[in-house]
Amino acid sequence: MRTYTSVVEPEDGGGYYVAVPALPGCFTRGSTVEECRERAVEAIEVHIAGLRADGEPVPEEVGAPQLVAVTVAA
């Protein structure tokens, strides 16, 4: 079993975009946060299967990503 952090961001037109920072290229979308959670599991499983099929290593999450708010003059 592995645990990966998924980042869920609201989209302008509704719904959410989900990315998995520890697995570059692994992303999905969903209408609700719960749907995003379910789809993230599927996306991670498919992504890992693809890495293994290609003989690539499966990255481990070293530490949970942190959100940092930065204010800039625009």
N, C-alpha and C. Protein backbone atom coordinates (compact mmCIF):
# COMPACT_ATOMS: atom_id res chain seq x y z
N MET A 1 0.85 -1.19 0.00
CA MET A 1 0.00 0.00 0.00
C MET A 1 0.89 1.24 0.00
N ARG A 2 0.46 2.22 -0.75
CA ARG A 2 1.16 3.51 -0.81
C ARG A 2 0.14 4.62 -0.58
N THR A 3 0.60 5.72 -0.05
CA THR A 3 -0.26 6.88 0.15
C THR A 3 0.35 8.05 -0.61
N TYR A 4 -0.48 8.72 -1.40
CA TYR A 4 -0.06 9.89 -2.16
C TYR A 4 -1.01 11.04 -1.86
N THR A 5 -0.45 12.23 -1.74
CA THR A 5 -1.25 13.42 -1.56
C THR A 5 -1.78 13.87 -2.90
N SER A 6 -3.07 14.18 -2.95
CA SER A 6 -3.70 14.72 -4.15
C SER A 6 -4.09 16.17 -3.87
N VAL A 7 -3.84 17.05 -4.83
CA VAL A 7 -4.18 18.46 -4.70
C VAL A 7 -5.45 18.69 -5.52
N VAL A 8 -6.50 19.13 -4.85
CA VAL A 8 -7.81 19.34 -5.48
C VAL A 8 -8.04 20.85 -5.60
N GLU A 9 -8.21 21.32 -6.84
CA GLU A 9 -8.41 22.75 -7.08
C GLU A 9 -9.73 22.97 -7.81
N PRO A 10 -10.52 23.95 -7.37
CA PRO A 10 -11.77 24.25 -8.08
C PRO A 10 -11.47 24.81 -9.47
N GLU A 11 -12.34 24.46 -10.44
CA GLU A 11 -12.20 24.97 -11.79
C GLU A 11 -13.22 26.08 -12.03
N ASP A 12 -12.91 26.99 -12.93
CA ASP A 12 -13.77 28.14 -13.21
C ASP A 12 -15.20 27.73 -13.58
N GLY A 13 -15.36 26.74 -14.44
CA GLY A 13 -16.68 26.34 -14.91
C GLY A 13 -17.40 25.38 -13.99
N GLY A 14 -16.84 25.10 -12.83
CA GLY A 14 -17.41 24.13 -11.90
C GLY A 14 -16.58 22.86 -11.89
N GLY A 15 -16.73 22.08 -10.87
CA GLY A 15 -15.95 20.86 -10.74
C GLY A 15 -14.56 21.16 -10.22
N TYR A 16 -13.73 20.14 -10.23
CA TYR A 16 -12.40 20.24 -9.64
C TYR A 16 -11.36 19.54 -10.51
N TYR A 17 -10.15 20.04 -10.44
CA TYR A 17 -8.99 19.45 -11.09
C TYR A 17 -8.14 18.83 -9.99
N VAL A 18 -7.64 17.62 -10.22
CA VAL A 18 -6.85 16.91 -9.21
C VAL A 18 -5.49 16.56 -9.79
N ALA A 19 -4.43 16.89 -9.06
CA ALA A 19 -3.07 16.53 -9.45
C ALA A 19 -2.40 15.77 -8.31
N VAL A 20 -1.47 14.91 -8.67
CA VAL A 20 -0.72 14.14 -7.67
C VAL A 20 0.75 14.56 -7.83
N PRO A 21 1.23 15.50 -7.00
CA PRO A 21 2.57 16.05 -7.17
C PRO A 21 3.70 15.02 -7.20
N ALA A 22 3.58 13.95 -6.44
CA ALA A 22 4.65 12.95 -6.39
C ALA A 22 4.70 12.10 -7.66
N LEU A 23 3.63 12.16 -8.47
CA LEU A 23 3.56 11.38 -9.71
C LEU A 23 3.33 12.34 -10.88
N PRO A 24 4.37 12.98 -11.38
CA PRO A 24 4.20 13.93 -12.48
C PRO A 24 3.42 13.30 -13.64
N GLY A 25 2.44 14.05 -14.13
CA GLY A 25 1.61 13.56 -15.22
C GLY A 25 0.37 12.82 -14.76
N CYS A 26 0.22 12.63 -13.47
CA CYS A 26 -0.95 11.94 -12.93
C CYS A 26 -1.97 12.98 -12.48
N PHE A 27 -3.10 13.03 -13.18
CA PHE A 27 -4.14 13.99 -12.85
C PHE A 27 -5.50 13.45 -13.26
N THR A 28 -6.54 14.07 -12.75
CA THR A 28 -7.91 13.70 -13.08
C THR A 28 -8.82 14.88 -12.77
N ARG A 29 -10.10 14.70 -12.96
CA ARG A 29 -11.10 15.73 -12.66
C ARG A 29 -12.31 15.08 -12.03
N GLY A 30 -13.13 15.88 -11.34
CA GLY A 30 -14.36 15.38 -10.76
C GLY A 30 -15.33 16.50 -10.49
N SER A 31 -16.59 16.13 -10.31
CA SER A 31 -17.65 17.11 -10.04
C SER A 31 -17.70 17.51 -8.58
N THR A 32 -17.35 16.58 -7.69
CA THR A 32 -17.36 16.82 -6.25
C THR A 32 -16.02 16.39 -5.67
N VAL A 33 -15.73 16.83 -4.47
CA VAL A 33 -14.48 16.43 -3.82
C VAL A 33 -14.47 14.92 -3.62
N GLU A 34 -15.60 14.33 -3.24
CA GLU A 34 -15.65 12.87 -3.05
C GLU A 34 -15.39 12.15 -4.36
N GLU A 35 -15.97 12.63 -5.45
CA GLU A 35 -15.71 12.02 -6.76
C GLU A 35 -14.24 12.16 -7.12
N CYS A 36 -13.64 13.30 -6.78
CA CYS A 36 -12.22 13.51 -7.03
C CYS A 36 -11.37 12.48 -6.28
N ARG A 37 -11.75 12.20 -5.06
CA ARG A 37 -11.02 11.22 -4.25
C ARG A 37 -11.08 9.85 -4.94
N GLU A 38 -12.26 9.45 -5.39
CA GLU A 38 -12.43 8.16 -6.05
C GLU A 38 -11.64 8.10 -7.35
N ARG A 39 -11.72 9.17 -8.13
CA ARG A 39 -11.02 9.21 -9.41
C ARG A 39 -9.51 9.29 -9.22
N ALA A 40 -9.06 9.91 -8.13
CA ALA A 40 -7.63 9.98 -7.85
C ALA A 40 -7.08 8.58 -7.60
N VAL A 41 -7.82 7.75 -6.88
CA VAL A 41 -7.39 6.36 -6.65
C VAL A 41 -7.21 5.66 -7.99
N GLU A 42 -8.20 5.78 -8.86
CA GLU A 42 -8.13 5.14 -10.18
C GLU A 42 -6.95 5.68 -10.99
N ALA A 43 -6.78 7.00 -11.00
CA ALA A 43 -5.70 7.62 -11.78
C ALA A 43 -4.33 7.17 -11.27
N ILE A 44 -4.18 7.10 -9.96
CA ILE A 44 -2.89 6.67 -9.38
C ILE A 44 -2.62 5.22 -9.73
N GLU A 45 -3.62 4.36 -9.61
CA GLU A 45 -3.44 2.94 -9.95
C GLU A 45 -3.03 2.76 -11.41
N VAL A 46 -3.70 3.47 -12.30
CA VAL A 46 -3.38 3.38 -13.74
C VAL A 46 -1.98 3.93 -14.00
N HIS A 47 -1.66 5.05 -13.38
CA HIS A 47 -0.34 5.67 -13.56
C HIS A 47 0.77 4.73 -13.11
N ILE A 48 0.61 4.14 -11.94
CA ILE A 48 1.62 3.20 -11.41
C ILE A 48 1.73 1.98 -12.31
N ALA A 49 0.61 1.46 -12.78
CA ALA A 49 0.64 0.30 -13.69
C ALA A 49 1.42 0.65 -14.96
N GLY A 50 1.22 1.86 -15.48
CA GLY A 50 1.95 2.29 -16.66
C GLY A 50 3.44 2.40 -16.41
N LEU A 51 3.81 2.95 -15.27
CA LEU A 51 5.23 3.05 -14.91
C LEU A 51 5.86 1.66 -14.84
N ARG A 52 5.19 0.75 -14.18
CA ARG A 52 5.71 -0.62 -14.05
C ARG A 52 5.82 -1.31 -15.41
N ALA A 53 4.81 -1.13 -16.26
CA ALA A 53 4.82 -1.74 -17.58
C ALA A 53 5.99 -1.21 -18.42
N ASP A 54 6.36 0.04 -18.19
CA ASP A 54 7.47 0.65 -18.92
C ASP A 54 8.82 0.41 -18.25
N GLY A 55 8.81 -0.33 -17.13
CA GLY A 55 10.05 -0.60 -16.42
C GLY A 55 10.60 0.59 -15.66
N GLU A 56 9.75 1.57 -15.42
CA GLU A 56 10.16 2.78 -14.70
C GLU A 56 9.95 2.59 -13.19
N PRO A 57 10.75 3.28 -12.37
CA PRO A 57 10.53 3.19 -10.92
C PRO A 57 9.25 3.93 -10.52
N VAL A 58 8.64 3.47 -9.46
CA VAL A 58 7.43 4.12 -8.93
C VAL A 58 7.87 5.05 -7.81
N PRO A 59 7.69 6.37 -8.00
CA PRO A 59 8.12 7.32 -6.98
C PRO A 59 7.35 7.16 -5.66
N GLU A 60 8.06 7.36 -4.59
CA GLU A 60 7.46 7.41 -3.26
C GLU A 60 7.25 8.88 -2.91
N GLU A 61 6.21 9.16 -2.18
CA GLU A 61 6.04 10.53 -1.70
C GLU A 61 6.97 10.74 -0.52
N VAL A 62 7.87 11.70 -0.65
CA VAL A 62 8.86 11.96 0.39
C VAL A 62 8.24 12.68 1.57
N GLY A 63 7.40 13.63 1.30
CA GLY A 63 6.71 14.39 2.34
C GLY A 63 5.51 15.05 1.69
N ALA A 64 4.50 15.30 2.47
CA ALA A 64 3.29 15.92 1.92
C ALA A 64 3.61 17.32 1.42
N PRO A 65 3.08 17.69 0.24
CA PRO A 65 3.28 19.05 -0.25
C PRO A 65 2.67 20.07 0.71
N GLN A 66 3.22 21.25 0.72
CA GLN A 66 2.69 22.31 1.57
C GLN A 66 2.16 23.44 0.68
N LEU A 67 1.07 24.02 1.07
CA LEU A 67 0.54 25.19 0.38
C LEU A 67 1.09 26.43 1.07
N VAL A 68 1.63 27.32 0.28
CA VAL A 68 2.20 28.55 0.81
C VAL A 68 1.58 29.71 0.04
N ALA A 69 0.91 30.61 0.73
CA ALA A 69 0.33 31.79 0.09
C ALA A 69 1.39 32.85 -0.06
N VAL A 70 1.47 33.41 -1.25
CA VAL A 70 2.47 34.44 -1.55
C VAL A 70 1.73 35.64 -2.12
N THR A 71 1.97 36.82 -1.58
CA THR A 71 1.34 38.03 -2.07
C THR A 71 2.33 38.81 -2.91
N VAL A 72 1.89 39.22 -4.10
CA VAL A 72 2.76 40.00 -4.98
C VAL A 72 2.02 41.23 -5.48
N ALA A 73 2.76 42.24 -5.83
CA ALA A 73 2.16 43.42 -6.43
C ALA A 73 1.89 43.10 -7.89
N ALA A 74 0.67 43.35 -8.33
CA ALA A 74 0.34 43.05 -9.73
C ALA A 74 -0.08 44.29 -10.46
